[in-house]
């Protein structure tokens, strides 16, 4: 089971968790994008941290939702993943 399948299964089976997730969907969407890109590139958190010139613990806190990242941090992560960071207001 991959990450997306796991997330879908967990959210489908727990309505309380699903409501909490939806309340913070914008935060989780960037976390989900980073985790998915990292896994797609078969990178560990430590490898991503090295490329982004940060600590593995920062990547871990970010991916777990325990860290509210700066735009600068997100740009480092995007660059390390060969991605482009785009932020929009609607």
PDB file of N, CA and C in Angstrom:
ATOM      1  N   UNK A   1       0.855  -1.166   0.000  1.00  0.00           N
ATOM      2  CA  UNK A   1       0.000   0.000   0.000  1.00  0.00           C
ATOM      3  C   UNK A   1       0.904   1.233   0.000  1.00  0.00           C
ATOM      4  N   UNK A   2       0.654   2.154  -0.935  1.00  0.00           N
ATOM      5  CA  UNK A   2       1.453   3.373  -0.965  1.00  0.00           C
ATOM      6  C   UNK A   2       0.810   4.441  -0.086  1.00  0.00           C
ATOM      7  N   UNK A   3       1.477   5.584   0.008  1.00  0.00           N
ATOM      8  CA  UNK A   3       1.033   6.665   0.888  1.00  0.00           C
ATOM      9  C   UNK A   3      -0.377   7.145   0.547  1.00  0.00           C
ATOM     10  N   UNK A   4      -0.661   7.372  -0.722  1.00  0.00           N
ATOM     11  CA  UNK A   4      -1.978   7.887  -1.117  1.00  0.00           C
ATOM     12  C   UNK A   4      -3.087   6.892  -0.804  1.00  0.00           C
ATOM     13  N   UNK A   5      -2.824   5.623  -1.027  1.00  0.00           N
ATOM     14  CA  UNK A   5      -3.815   4.589  -0.706  1.00  0.00           C
ATOM     15  C   UNK A   5      -4.057   4.527   0.803  1.00  0.00           C
ATOM     16  N   UNK A   6      -2.977   4.632   1.564  1.00  0.00           N
ATOM     17  CA  UNK A   6      -3.093   4.602   3.024  1.00  0.00           C
ATOM     18  C   UNK A   6      -3.911   5.795   3.518  1.00  0.00           C
ATOM     19  N   UNK A   7      -3.584   6.995   3.027  1.00  0.00           N
ATOM     20  CA  UNK A   7      -4.294   8.202   3.443  1.00  0.00           C
ATOM     21  C   UNK A   7      -5.784   8.087   3.120  1.00  0.00           C
ATOM     22  N   UNK A   8      -6.094   7.624   1.940  1.00  0.00           N
ATOM     23  CA  UNK A   8      -7.491   7.477   1.535  1.00  0.00           C
ATOM     24  C   UNK A   8      -8.225   6.509   2.460  1.00  0.00           C
ATOM     25  N   UNK A   9      -7.604   5.384   2.754  1.00  0.00           N
ATOM     26  CA  UNK A   9      -8.230   4.382   3.622  1.00  0.00           C
ATOM     27  C   UNK A   9      -8.457   4.921   5.033  1.00  0.00           C
ATOM     28  N   UNK A  10      -7.474   5.618   5.565  1.00  0.00           N
ATOM     29  CA  UNK A  10      -7.593   6.159   6.922  1.00  0.00           C
ATOM     30  C   UNK A  10      -8.693   7.208   6.992  1.00  0.00           C
ATOM     31  N   UNK A  11      -8.734   8.112   6.017  1.00  0.00           N
ATOM     32  CA  UNK A  11      -9.742   9.169   6.040  1.00  0.00           C
ATOM     33  C   UNK A  11     -11.148   8.633   5.807  1.00  0.00           C
ATOM     34  N   UNK A  12     -11.283   7.622   4.991  1.00  0.00           N
ATOM     35  CA  UNK A  12     -12.603   7.042   4.729  1.00  0.00           C
ATOM     36  C   UNK A  12     -13.171   6.353   5.962  1.00  0.00           C
ATOM     37  N   UNK A  13     -12.308   5.827   6.804  1.00  0.00           N
ATOM     38  CA  UNK A  13     -12.752   5.038   7.958  1.00  0.00           C
ATOM     39  C   UNK A  13     -12.823   5.826   9.257  1.00  0.00           C
ATOM     40  N   UNK A  14     -12.555   7.128   9.229  1.00  0.00           N
ATOM     41  CA  UNK A  14     -12.564   7.915  10.449  1.00  0.00           C
ATOM     42  C   UNK A  14     -13.135   9.302  10.145  1.00  0.00           C
ATOM     43  N   UNK A  15     -14.431   9.487  10.395  1.00  0.00           N
ATOM     44  CA  UNK A  15     -15.106  10.742  10.064  1.00  0.00           C
ATOM     45  C   UNK A  15     -14.552  11.927  10.851  1.00  0.00           C
ATOM     46  N   UNK A  16     -14.200  11.717  12.114  1.00  0.00           N
ATOM     47  CA  UNK A  16     -13.647  12.803  12.920  1.00  0.00           C
ATOM     48  C   UNK A  16     -12.307  13.260  12.333  1.00  0.00           C
ATOM     49  N   UNK A  17     -11.462  12.315  12.009  1.00  0.00           N
ATOM     50  CA  UNK A  17     -10.174  12.638  11.414  1.00  0.00           C
ATOM     51  C   UNK A  17     -10.363  13.327  10.065  1.00  0.00           C
ATOM     52  N   UNK A  18     -11.324  12.873   9.303  1.00  0.00           N
ATOM     53  CA  UNK A  18     -11.600  13.459   7.991  1.00  0.00           C
ATOM     54  C   UNK A  18     -11.990  14.933   8.129  1.00  0.00           C
ATOM     55  N   UNK A  19     -12.835  15.270   9.115  1.00  0.00           N
ATOM     56  CA  UNK A  19     -13.231  16.660   9.334  1.00  0.00           C
ATOM     57  C   UNK A  19     -12.041  17.514   9.749  1.00  0.00           C
ATOM     58  N   UNK A  20     -11.187  16.981  10.603  1.00  0.00           N
ATOM     59  CA  UNK A  20      -9.979  17.698  11.016  1.00  0.00           C
ATOM     60  C   UNK A  20      -9.063  17.926   9.814  1.00  0.00           C
ATOM     61  N   UNK A  21      -8.917  16.906   9.009  1.00  0.00           N
ATOM     62  CA  UNK A  21      -8.066  17.006   7.816  1.00  0.00           C
ATOM     63  C   UNK A  21      -8.588  18.087   6.878  1.00  0.00           C
ATOM     64  N   UNK A  22      -9.889  18.117   6.678  1.00  0.00           N
ATOM     65  CA  UNK A  22     -10.479  19.111   5.789  1.00  0.00           C
ATOM     66  C   UNK A  22     -10.281  20.531   6.309  1.00  0.00           C
ATOM     67  N   UNK A  23     -10.275  20.711   7.633  1.00  0.00           N
ATOM     68  CA  UNK A  23     -10.080  22.032   8.220  1.00  0.00           C
ATOM     69  C   UNK A  23      -8.682  22.579   7.917  1.00  0.00           C
ATOM     70  N   UNK A  24      -7.730  21.688   7.733  1.00  0.00           N
ATOM     71  CA  UNK A  24      -6.354  22.087   7.461  1.00  0.00           C
ATOM     72  C   UNK A  24      -5.891  21.617   6.084  1.00  0.00           C
ATOM     73  N   UNK A  25      -6.822  21.460   5.184  1.00  0.00           N
ATOM     74  CA  UNK A  25      -6.518  20.890   3.866  1.00  0.00           C
ATOM     75  C   UNK A  25      -5.436  21.649   3.127  1.00  0.00           C
ATOM     76  N   UNK A  26      -5.434  22.957   3.216  1.00  0.00           N
ATOM     77  CA  UNK A  26      -4.422  23.735   2.494  1.00  0.00           C
ATOM     78  C   UNK A  26      -3.021  23.428   3.009  1.00  0.00           C
ATOM     79  N   UNK A  27      -2.868  23.226   4.321  1.00  0.00           N
ATOM     80  CA  UNK A  27      -1.558  22.874   4.868  1.00  0.00           C
ATOM     81  C   UNK A  27      -1.164  21.462   4.461  1.00  0.00           C
ATOM     82  N   UNK A  28      -2.121  20.555   4.563  1.00  0.00           N
ATOM     83  CA  UNK A  28      -1.823  19.166   4.242  1.00  0.00           C
ATOM     84  C   UNK A  28      -1.561  18.956   2.758  1.00  0.00           C
ATOM     85  N   UNK A  29      -2.109  19.809   1.908  1.00  0.00           N
ATOM     86  CA  UNK A  29      -1.891  19.612   0.477  1.00  0.00           C
ATOM     87  C   UNK A  29      -0.425  19.826   0.109  1.00  0.00           C
ATOM     88  N   UNK A  30       0.226  20.804   0.720  1.00  0.00           N
ATOM     89  CA  UNK A  30       1.649  21.012   0.426  1.00  0.00           C
ATOM     90  C   UNK A  30       2.483  19.896   1.043  1.00  0.00           C
ATOM     91  N   UNK A  31       2.106  19.449   2.236  1.00  0.00           N
ATOM     92  CA  UNK A  31       2.816  18.325   2.859  1.00  0.00           C
ATOM     93  C   UNK A  31       2.678  17.090   1.974  1.00  0.00           C
ATOM     94  N   UNK A  32       1.471  16.830   1.510  1.00  0.00           N
ATOM     95  CA  UNK A  32       1.211  15.678   0.643  1.00  0.00           C
ATOM     96  C   UNK A  32       2.033  15.760  -0.638  1.00  0.00           C
ATOM     97  N   UNK A  33       2.117  16.953  -1.217  1.00  0.00           N
ATOM     98  CA  UNK A  33       2.891  17.134  -2.456  1.00  0.00           C
ATOM     99  C   UNK A  33       4.370  16.851  -2.231  1.00  0.00           C
ATOM    100  N   UNK A  34       4.907  17.317  -1.102  1.00  0.00           N
ATOM    101  CA  UNK A  34       6.324  17.086  -0.804  1.00  0.00           C
ATOM    102  C   UNK A  34       6.590  15.608  -0.553  1.00  0.00           C
ATOM    103  N   UNK A  35       5.767  14.976   0.267  1.00  0.00           N
ATOM    104  CA  UNK A  35       5.968  13.552   0.551  1.00  0.00           C
ATOM    105  C   UNK A  35       5.868  12.736  -0.733  1.00  0.00           C
ATOM    106  N   UNK A  36       4.861  13.021  -1.539  1.00  0.00           N
ATOM    107  CA  UNK A  36       4.681  12.281  -2.798  1.00  0.00           C
ATOM    108  C   UNK A  36       5.880  12.456  -3.726  1.00  0.00           C
ATOM    109  N   UNK A  37       6.367  13.687  -3.853  1.00  0.00           N
ATOM    110  CA  UNK A  37       7.523  13.948  -4.723  1.00  0.00           C
ATOM    111  C   UNK A  37       8.773  13.256  -4.182  1.00  0.00           C
ATOM    112  N   UNK A  38       8.943  13.296  -2.863  1.00  0.00           N
ATOM    113  CA  UNK A  38      10.117  12.652  -2.256  1.00  0.00           C
ATOM    114  C   UNK A  38      10.077  11.141  -2.475  1.00  0.00           C
ATOM    115  N   UNK A  39       8.927  10.545  -2.263  1.00  0.00           N
ATOM    116  CA  UNK A  39       8.780   9.098  -2.447  1.00  0.00           C
ATOM    117  C   UNK A  39       8.950   8.731  -3.916  1.00  0.00           C
ATOM    118  N   UNK A  40       8.390   9.540  -4.807  1.00  0.00           N
ATOM    119  CA  UNK A  40       8.520   9.292  -6.239  1.00  0.00           C
ATOM    120  C   UNK A  40       9.990   9.266  -6.657  1.00  0.00           C
ATOM    121  N   UNK A  41      10.793  10.123  -6.042  1.00  0.00           N
ATOM    122  CA  UNK A  41      12.218  10.183  -6.347  1.00  0.00           C
ATOM    123  C   UNK A  41      13.026   9.190  -5.498  1.00  0.00           C
ATOM    124  N   UNK A  42      12.320   8.393  -4.707  1.00  0.00           N
ATOM    125  CA  UNK A  42      12.931   7.373  -3.844  1.00  0.00           C
ATOM    126  C   UNK A  42      14.004   7.985  -2.940  1.00  0.00           C
ATOM    127  N   UNK A  43      13.654   9.119  -2.345  1.00  0.00           N
ATOM    128  CA  UNK A  43      14.568   9.836  -1.458  1.00  0.00           C
ATOM    129  C   UNK A  43      14.139   9.646  -0.007  1.00  0.00           C
ATOM    130  N   UNK A  44      15.109   9.576   0.861  1.00  0.00           N
ATOM    131  CA  UNK A  44      14.820   9.579   2.288  1.00  0.00           C
ATOM    132  C   UNK A  44      14.701  11.026   2.751  1.00  0.00           C
ATOM    133  N   UNK A  45      14.189  11.203   3.948  1.00  0.00           N
ATOM    134  CA  UNK A  45      14.140  12.542   4.525  1.00  0.00           C
ATOM    135  C   UNK A  45      15.550  13.109   4.663  1.00  0.00           C
ATOM    136  N   UNK A  46      16.489  12.277   5.040  1.00  0.00           N
ATOM    137  CA  UNK A  46      17.880  12.723   5.203  1.00  0.00           C
ATOM    138  C   UNK A  46      18.464  13.194   3.881  1.00  0.00           C
ATOM    139  N   UNK A  47      18.179  12.477   2.808  1.00  0.00           N
ATOM    140  CA  UNK A  47      18.682  12.875   1.491  1.00  0.00           C
ATOM    141  C   UNK A  47      18.065  14.197   1.040  1.00  0.00           C
ATOM    142  N   UNK A  48      16.764  14.351   1.274  1.00  0.00           N
ATOM    143  CA  UNK A  48      16.103  15.600   0.933  1.00  0.00           C
ATOM    144  C   UNK A  48      16.679  16.747   1.755  1.00  0.00           C
ATOM    145  N   UNK A  49      16.877  16.509   3.028  1.00  0.00           N
ATOM    146  CA  UNK A  49      17.439  17.546   3.902  1.00  0.00           C
ATOM    147  C   UNK A  49      18.809  17.996   3.420  1.00  0.00           C
ATOM    148  N   UNK A  50      19.631  17.046   3.031  1.00  0.00           N
ATOM    149  CA  UNK A  50      20.975  17.385   2.552  1.00  0.00           C
ATOM    150  C   UNK A  50      20.892  18.262   1.302  1.00  0.00           C
ATOM    151  N   UNK A  51      20.039  17.892   0.361  1.00  0.00           N
ATOM    152  CA  UNK A  51      19.890  18.672  -0.872  1.00  0.00           C
ATOM    153  C   UNK A  51      19.300  20.056  -0.614  1.00  0.00           C
ATOM    154  N   UNK A  52      18.456  20.160   0.415  1.00  0.00           N
ATOM    155  CA  UNK A  52      17.798  21.428   0.739  1.00  0.00           C
ATOM    156  C   UNK A  52      18.604  22.253   1.745  1.00  0.00           C
ATOM    157  N   UNK A  53      19.753  21.720   2.145  1.00  0.00           N
ATOM    158  CA  UNK A  53      20.616  22.411   3.100  1.00  0.00           C
ATOM    159  C   UNK A  53      19.888  22.713   4.415  1.00  0.00           C
ATOM    160  N   UNK A  54      19.261  21.667   4.941  1.00  0.00           N
ATOM    161  CA  UNK A  54      18.571  21.765   6.219  1.00  0.00           C
ATOM    162  C   UNK A  54      18.789  20.466   6.978  1.00  0.00           C
ATOM    163  N   UNK A  55      18.173  20.341   8.130  1.00  0.00           N
ATOM    164  CA  UNK A  55      18.316  19.129   8.940  1.00  0.00           C
ATOM    165  C   UNK A  55      17.177  18.159   8.647  1.00  0.00           C
ATOM    166  N   UNK A  56      17.475  16.877   8.798  1.00  0.00           N
ATOM    167  CA  UNK A  56      16.454  15.843   8.608  1.00  0.00           C
ATOM    168  C   UNK A  56      15.296  16.065   9.581  1.00  0.00           C
ATOM    169  N   UNK A  57      15.585  16.527  10.784  1.00  0.00           N
ATOM    170  CA  UNK A  57      14.526  16.757  11.778  1.00  0.00           C
ATOM    171  C   UNK A  57      13.556  17.840  11.304  1.00  0.00           C
ATOM    172  N   UNK A  58      14.043  18.817  10.538  1.00  0.00           N
ATOM    173  CA  UNK A  58      13.151  19.843   9.979  1.00  0.00           C
ATOM    174  C   UNK A  58      12.208  19.237   8.947  1.00  0.00           C
ATOM    175  N   UNK A  59      12.731  18.340   8.135  1.00  0.00           N
ATOM    176  CA  UNK A  59      11.889  17.651   7.138  1.00  0.00           C
ATOM    177  C   UNK A  59      10.843  16.805   7.858  1.00  0.00           C
ATOM    178  N   UNK A  60      11.259  16.092   8.877  1.00  0.00           N
ATOM    179  CA  UNK A  60      10.348  15.242   9.638  1.00  0.00           C
ATOM    180  C   UNK A  60       9.230  16.060  10.286  1.00  0.00           C
ATOM    181  N   UNK A  61       9.588  17.159  10.933  1.00  0.00           N
ATOM    182  CA  UNK A  61       8.570  18.009  11.572  1.00  0.00           C
ATOM    183  C   UNK A  61       7.610  18.585  10.532  1.00  0.00           C
ATOM    184  N   UNK A  62       8.150  19.001   9.402  1.00  0.00           N
ATOM    185  CA  UNK A  62       7.292  19.525   8.334  1.00  0.00           C
ATOM    186  C   UNK A  62       6.329  18.457   7.831  1.00  0.00           C
ATOM    187  N   UNK A  63       6.860  17.275   7.510  1.00  0.00           N
ATOM    188  CA  UNK A  63       6.023  16.204   6.956  1.00  0.00           C
ATOM    189  C   UNK A  63       4.980  15.711   7.953  1.00  0.00           C
ATOM    190  N   UNK A  64       5.246  15.834   9.239  1.00  0.00           N
ATOM    191  CA  UNK A  64       4.285  15.392  10.247  1.00  0.00           C
ATOM    192  C   UNK A  64       3.254  16.473  10.575  1.00  0.00           C
ATOM    193  N   UNK A  65       3.433  17.675  10.020  1.00  0.00           N
ATOM    194  CA  UNK A  65       2.500  18.760  10.276  1.00  0.00           C
ATOM    195  C   UNK A  65       2.784  19.525  11.551  1.00  0.00           C
ATOM    196  N   UNK A  66       3.939  19.281  12.160  1.00  0.00           N
ATOM    197  CA  UNK A  66       4.283  19.928  13.418  1.00  0.00           C
ATOM    198  C   UNK A  66       5.089  21.207  13.221  1.00  0.00           C
ATOM    199  N   UNK A  67       5.291  21.608  11.986  1.00  0.00           N
ATOM    200  CA  UNK A  67       6.121  22.766  11.673  1.00  0.00           C
ATOM    201  C   UNK A  67       5.427  23.599  10.623  1.00  0.00           C
ATOM    202  N   UNK A  68       5.255  24.868  10.902  1.00  0.00           N
ATOM    203  CA  UNK A  68       4.657  25.784   9.945  1.00  0.00           C
ATOM    204  C   UNK A  68       5.794  26.417   9.148  1.00  0.00           C
ATOM    205  N   UNK A  69       6.018  25.975   7.926  1.00  0.00           N
ATOM    206  CA  UNK A  69       7.210  26.390   7.177  1.00  0.00           C
ATOM    207  C   UNK A  69       7.128  27.808   6.638  1.00  0.00           C
ATOM    208  N   UNK A  70       8.277  28.407   6.471  1.00  0.00           N
ATOM    209  CA  UNK A  70       8.369  29.702   5.800  1.00  0.00           C
ATOM    210  C   UNK A  70       8.358  29.457   4.288  1.00  0.00           C
ATOM    211  N   UNK A  71       8.131  30.508   3.548  1.00  0.00           N
ATOM    212  CA  UNK A  71       8.190  30.412   2.094  1.00  0.00           C
ATOM    213  C   UNK A  71       9.612  30.034   1.685  1.00  0.00           C
ATOM    214  N   UNK A  72      10.596  30.584   2.363  1.00  0.00           N
ATOM    215  CA  UNK A  72      11.996  30.260   2.056  1.00  0.00           C
ATOM    216  C   UNK A  72      12.257  28.762   2.220  1.00  0.00           C
ATOM    217  N   UNK A  73      11.735  28.162   3.294  1.00  0.00           N
ATOM    218  CA  UNK A  73      11.902  26.725   3.517  1.00  0.00           C
ATOM    219  C   UNK A  73      11.240  25.939   2.384  1.00  0.00           C
ATOM    220  N   UNK A  74      10.034  26.330   2.009  1.00  0.00           N
ATOM    221  CA  UNK A  74       9.330  25.639   0.929  1.00  0.00           C
ATOM    222  C   UNK A  74      10.067  25.761  -0.399  1.00  0.00           C
ATOM    223  N   UNK A  75      10.687  26.921  -0.639  1.00  0.00           N
ATOM    224  CA  UNK A  75      11.470  27.096  -1.859  1.00  0.00           C
ATOM    225  C   UNK A  75      12.682  26.167  -1.865  1.00  0.00           C
ATOM    226  N   UNK A  76      13.330  26.009  -0.729  1.00  0.00           N
ATOM    227  CA  UNK A  76      14.471  25.086  -0.628  1.00  0.00           C
ATOM    228  C   UNK A  76      14.036  23.655  -0.933  1.00  0.00           C
ATOM    229  N   UNK A  77      12.913  23.268  -0.353  1.00  0.00           N
ATOM    230  CA  UNK A  77      12.406  21.906  -0.547  1.00  0.00           C
ATOM    231  C   UNK A  77      12.028  21.706  -2.015  1.00  0.00           C
ATOM    232  N   UNK A  78      11.322  22.661  -2.582  1.00  0.00           N
ATOM    233  CA  UNK A  78      10.927  22.558  -3.988  1.00  0.00           C
ATOM    234  C   UNK A  78      12.149  22.433  -4.879  1.00  0.00           C
ATOM    235  N   UNK A  79      13.150  23.256  -4.641  1.00  0.00           N
ATOM    236  CA  UNK A  79      14.368  23.198  -5.441  1.00  0.00           C
ATOM    237  C   UNK A  79      15.077  21.863  -5.320  1.00  0.00           C
ATOM    238  N   UNK A  80      15.127  21.330  -4.109  1.00  0.00           N
ATOM    239  CA  UNK A  80      15.778  20.043  -3.875  1.00  0.00           C
ATOM    240  C   UNK A  80      15.043  18.912  -4.585  1.00  0.00           C
ATOM    241  N   UNK A  81      13.746  19.085  -4.796  1.00  0.00           N
ATOM    242  CA  UNK A  81      12.930  18.074  -5.475  1.00  0.00           C
ATOM    243  C   UNK A  81      12.781  18.359  -6.974  1.00  0.00           C
ATOM    244  N   UNK A  82      13.508  19.376  -7.455  1.00  0.00           N
ATOM    245  CA  UNK A  82      13.400  19.811  -8.854  1.00  0.00           C
ATOM    246  C   UNK A  82      11.967  20.187  -9.215  1.00  0.00           C
ATOM    247  N   UNK A  83      11.324  20.874  -8.287  1.00  0.00           N
ATOM    248  CA  UNK A  83       9.952  21.345  -8.480  1.00  0.00           C
ATOM    249  C   UNK A  83       9.929  22.860  -8.395  1.00  0.00           C
ATOM    250  N   UNK A  84       8.823  23.449  -8.813  1.00  0.00           N
ATOM    251  CA  UNK A  84       8.626  24.889  -8.738  1.00  0.00           C
ATOM    252  C   UNK A  84       7.536  25.168  -7.709  1.00  0.00           C
ATOM    253  N   UNK A  85       7.830  26.066  -6.781  1.00  0.00           N
ATOM    254  CA  UNK A  85       6.840  26.460  -5.779  1.00  0.00           C
ATOM    255  C   UNK A  85       5.956  27.552  -6.366  1.00  0.00           C
ATOM    256  N   UNK A  86       4.643  27.345  -6.302  1.00  0.00           N
ATOM    257  CA  UNK A  86       3.691  28.345  -6.757  1.00  0.00           C
ATOM    258  C   UNK A  86       2.701  28.602  -5.637  1.00  0.00           C
ATOM    259  N   UNK A  87       2.504  29.872  -5.321  1.00  0.00           N
ATOM    260  CA  UNK A  87       1.564  30.266  -4.269  1.00  0.00           C
ATOM    261  C   UNK A  87       0.543  31.194  -4.915  1.00  0.00           C
ATOM    262  N   UNK A  88      -0.736  30.934  -4.701  1.00  0.00           N
ATOM    263  CA  UNK A  88      -1.768  31.763  -5.293  1.00  0.00           C
ATOM    264  C   UNK A  88      -2.761  32.213  -4.235  1.00  0.00           C
ATOM    265  N   UNK A  89      -3.367  33.344  -4.470  1.00  0.00           N
ATOM    266  CA  UNK A  89      -4.479  33.835  -3.659  1.00  0.00           C
ATOM    267  C   UNK A  89      -5.727  33.775  -4.522  1.00  0.00           C
ATOM    268  N   UNK A  90      -6.814  33.325  -3.957  1.00  0.00           N
ATOM    269  CA  UNK A  90      -8.070  33.226  -4.735  1.00  0.00           C
ATOM    270  C   UNK A  90      -9.141  34.029  -4.069  1.00  0.00           C
TER     271      UNK A  90
END
